[in-house]
Every structure is written in C-alpha cells, then in structure tokens.
Amino acid sequence: MLAFNKNTFQITDTRDPADKVFTRGVMRVCYTLDTDDITKGEKPNFTPYNDRIGEFDGELKNAQTCAALDVKAYADGLEFSLASAANDLSEFGIDLPFNFMGKKGGGGWRRQFMLNSPYISPNRDILYFYLARPNGNNIVIAAKNAAGFKIDYSPYCYAHFLTGIKIFANLDKAYGMPRKDNTVTFAVLPVNGFDDCLNRLSRYYGLPFVECDLNGGEVGSKINVKVYGKCDNIKNGDYVIGREGDNKITPMINGKSGATATVYGYKSLKDLYFKSMSAVDMKDIEVTDKNLCEHQCWATAMSRFLLRYKNELDAETVIKYETLLKDLLDEITETDESKAVPRLTILKQPHDNLPAYNVYKSTRVQEGFFGVTLLFDAYKYFGDKKYLDYAVGALDCLLDNYQNESGAIMRYEWGKYSDYTTVCCPMITTVDAALFMRDIDKAKSDKYYDSAKRMAEYLYERGLVFPTEGAVSDETETEMEDGSISCTALGLLYYCKNVERVEKYIRKAKEILDIHDCWVMQTPVAQMRRSTLRWWETLWEGDADGPALCCGHSWSIWRAEADFLYYMLTGAEDYLIRAKNGFNCNLAKIHGDGKSYSIYGFDEITGGGFASKSDDVKIELAPHYARRPDSGLTRYVWVRLCDTFLNGGTD
C-alpha cells in the first residue's frame, strides 16, 4: 500500500517503509512560459532544453503557475491530479524524481527502481511506466489525458543514470502539439509483477489490455494471446501471425481502443537473414569509426551466412559477399603501419607500447575478441591460413597481455586497470577457439580451455559485483549496468554448455538472471518485449540525438542467449520463450527492404546528443526509428542465432 505525506511531499511504500519512492527531491511543477524560447540558449548536458521548476507549498499549490495538486487514495495506491488555470504557460507538467538505480541515499540497488517497461498507446490515451525493483516491491505510474512525457537522464557520466520522469499536461509550444487544458491525472500503484500490472492498468483505464507469449514468429504460426479486462473483439487463446512486419493487436470495448500490442512476422529466419545480408551497405559503415566490435558485426554474420547457405545462392551474390569480406579482411590484416586503421587493423608488430597482434592503437579489448571470432570464421570459409594465424596471434595477445592469474580480463587505460571480463562476453570467443583448435593445435586448445576455466571461476567468485566500462562519478553509487550483469550469467552458462557442466555456475547464473529481470522490458510491443534497458548508446548510435531508450538494442542478445543456454542446460521451457522474444526484439527492427536500425526509440523527447546549446538540438517529437540505418551492430543478432536457434532444431 502507498501513502502520501502532505508535509514532506513523499510517498511511503508500506510494504517496506525503507523502500524510498523518491530521492533527491520531491514532486514539483515543471513548466515554461509562452514568452520562453526553448530552442535557444545554453543547457545542461543530455537534455534538449531548459525548463522551469516550481515547488508546492503546504497546501499543495504552486504560486508561479497558479497550480494545485490534488491527492487521493486509489485502491491500494494513490491518484494525483495537477491543474492550472494560468493562461501564460507553454509547457506544464509534473516532475517525479523516482529513486532510480544508482542514486545516492536510495537504500542500495536492491531497493531502487529500473524503468522496466514503459508504454504509450498509438492514440496517446494510455501512458504508463512500470518500475521494477530487485526486491520485488514494484510500482506502476499510469497517466490519463497526458500530452506526453520526458525521461530525465543524468547530466554526468555520459547519461548512464536515470534521474526522473516528467509527465506533461501540455508540451512546450515548440513541439507543435495541439493545446488542451492544463490538467493531468496519474496514479501510482503498487504491483506484484507485470501480470498484476496489466490487470491493474486495465481496471484503472477501464480498457482492455493484451499480452502475447511470443512477440514474433513465422507468418502463419500461432502465438497465445492473453486478454486483461472486458474485451469485445479478442479472446484468450491462439492468434495467427498474418503478415510480415509489425502485426497490431488492438483490443476494443464499446468502440474504444485499449492498449495495442504488436508482434513481428517474417517468412522464415533464412529469408530474413538473406534480406538482412543483402541490405548491408558500406556507406553505413564509413560514417562510423569502423571499430572491430560494434561496426563490423556484419562481416561475421555474412561469413556465417556463406558457410551455411552458399550452395543456395547465385554466383553474383556469392562474389558480392566474398568481395566485401576480403576487402575488410585486407584492412584487418594490413602489415604496413602507415596504412593501418585505428581500432580495425590487427598489427602483427608491436606499436605504441602495445604488443604484437594487438588491435591498432586500441586497448578496448572487445574489439580484439570480436576480431578473433571474425578471423576464425574467415579461415573456416576461405581456408586461408593467414586468417588462422591472425586469429591465434590476436587471441594469444589478448590472453597473454590482458588476462591475469585470477582469470579476469583487465584493460589498462587512463592510468588504471579496469575489469573487462564481462564486456561483450569474451568467454564466447575463448571457448569457441578452444573447441576449434582441438584437432589443429592441442597445445593452443588446452591453453584456451585453461583461460576459459579461470575466467569462469573468476566470474563465479566475483559474486554479485558487476564492473563495467561505464563512467564513475561522485554523484552516484556504483553502476549496475545491464551488459555486465547479463554477460556474467552468459559467460558462466556458455562455459557450462560448451566445456564443462558445473552446477554451482548454473545456480549462480540463475540467481543473476533473476536479478537481471529488472533490466528486461515486458512491454507488449515487438521491439520492446524482452529488450534489455539501454539508453546511453543513442549518444553515438542512430541519429546520435540521445540519450533515449534504445529498445531492441543488439546487446539485448546477451540476455537472450543466456536464457537459451539456461533452457538447454535445465530444460526450463519458460526460458526458451524468453530467449525467442529476446532475439525477436532485434529481428523486429528489420524492415521490409532488409535495412536495420540500431534502435527502436520509446522517448519522444530525446536528449539532444552532446550539444551544449538548445540552438543545436532538433526540437521535435522523435520517430521510433532513426533516420540513419545501421549495417554493423544490428547484424550481431545473426552471429548469435547461428549458434542458437539456427543450430539445433529448437524452433
């Protein structure tokens, strides 16, 4: 049950009063005046514009905006109504400083929220934010007659932290939205899991909601739909995916639309794989830094496509793919330092205090590990021993120079060592190399097995500590970052599935997966369902106008593959469903022409990138997809599908 204290303006969660709902402040009015121009002037980092903030007095009124806040009990939660009769306001809304993960004084990460599952309906009548805590005391915020929202990201640490949510009765005039009364109502409700959340939302809005067990599949396949609330047009049971691309499922009651869900349809995984490979465009790669990790995933995906399907392709397509791969491999194996490409070439000779076979001018070890995987695949396909020699040389460089005796992978940069053991899951590359080299060079294979074994034991002994390459600040507690958590579980499970089954590793991985559920979206939209929570990548990826939630981001695959491996090791069927949805949230970003986009955006108001002035920000409601397609990281999904659902008949 939730209670509101009118003296402190704080919400108390009586399930455990130590669980703070707000930290670093209280609810406040946020607004701009008609005379303000938010498109001009200096601004804080990682937000598009400055607005004004007004405090409530003891009677829950704000003098600057002639606003009043009404609070009443609703079920076992609270309902708030904010209204203003002022006629000189442009933006008007409520600022909610939720106790998001990483805030100091928030009681520690188990008691803090992650923005697990947000949603806005196509007609904008439904807006909710499901906030999950690792300790299970979750809440949902549900708004009525809202004009929109804004998620606030930290002005420090490259926006790695969430600071609050703003819900608007009206957006600033610069966004060009229709004007309405300056009134907005929202409820804050305690919920026990997402199923309970949808039940509560259906009752609050008086509208039906739906949820599908799968967020995608082949056209003509059946998925199960569950209906919440009274509904005229949909019943619990089977739904047949009717078309390629997004399929909308909109429940209705008395002619009114409820919360639309979507599922993604495709002809077959092989057909979608081919479309995705055919749409790879080097123009997309040339505008990036070309590094061997994020931006060359297309090459590993393409080499695996050729290994699997070459005999089904026409000669022209084979030549096209092989030419693209050889051009890249020539850059990677360039021996003339004057022609070496930073973060792409693997230079055979030592340079800049870096050892032989290190990625040129890079200590970002994930670039090396991804390069090793590509080179092994290139050797498998082309049979050129040069690629094998480079793969072995680069992996030896990584393990000899970056792995310590404990098994940890440590990067040295900026005068200190950082734990990179779970950055982009180097366990995958190490184990794969050990398996591949068994019949080629047993001594090398044994070395890689030993490295993987020490790495696994280190991950186990590290416990519930998840270091990351994310920024560190005096403003925050230690970051609990999605990728480090999911890759810890994935690393342990990958070792157990492919090297040696160790029960304590499986138990530890399950414990970590349970914690990580707070970082996994449940929103019943194809690109969001089972996506993991990431937002700072949009400072660099897509249109580089973040921070903004990047749903279906490729690093969501780490969790999806961990779910798949847990299913393979234990037979837990629900984890197979989770894995399918995790992969599908990535596939659902592939358009009909095969083009992919690095993110599916939820935020309508993005952070404006690295701009320090509003003058340099495009003030508009952001579309779901970036204007710029991606040909690199978006192909990572195929790399991992080749080792999971395309390799074992579990579909």
Foldseek 3Di string as FASTA:
>chain_A
DWDADLVQQFIADVVDRLQGFADPDHKWKKFAFLPDDQLWDFDFFQAQGDIDTFHADSQQATDVQQKHKDWDDDDPWIKIKIAGPDDGTFWIWMWGFTQAAWFPPRNHQQSGWDQFAWDAAPVRQWTKTWIAGNVQFTKMKIKGQWPAKFWAFDSPLLRQTTGTMITTNHDGCVQVDDHDGRMMMMIIGTAGDVVRVQLVRCVVSVAKDKFWLAQEDAQQDWTFMDIHHDFDPDHTGIDGRHDAAWDWDWTDDPRDTDGIFIHHYDNHPLVLLVLQLVPFDVVQLVVALNAQAFAALSLLLLLVNCVPCVVVDDPVVVVVSVVVNVVLVCQQDPAPPVSHRANRHQHQCDDPPAHGRERHPDLPCNSLLSLLSSLVSCCVRVVDCVSVVSSLRSVCSQCVPQADPQLFGWGDDPHDIFTCCQPVQSLVSLLVVLVVCVVPPVVSSVVSLVSLVSSLVSLLVVAPDFTDPGDDDPSTDHDPDLRSLLSSLLSLLVCCVRPNNDPSSLVSSVVSLSSSSSQAHCHSYLLRHRFGWDFSCCCPFFVNQASFTFGLALSSLSNLVSLQSSCVVPVPVSSPSSNSSSLRSLSSQQDPSNWGARGQTDFQRHRGRRDRTSVNRDPYGDHRGGPRTGSGNSSNSSSVCVVGVVPDVPD
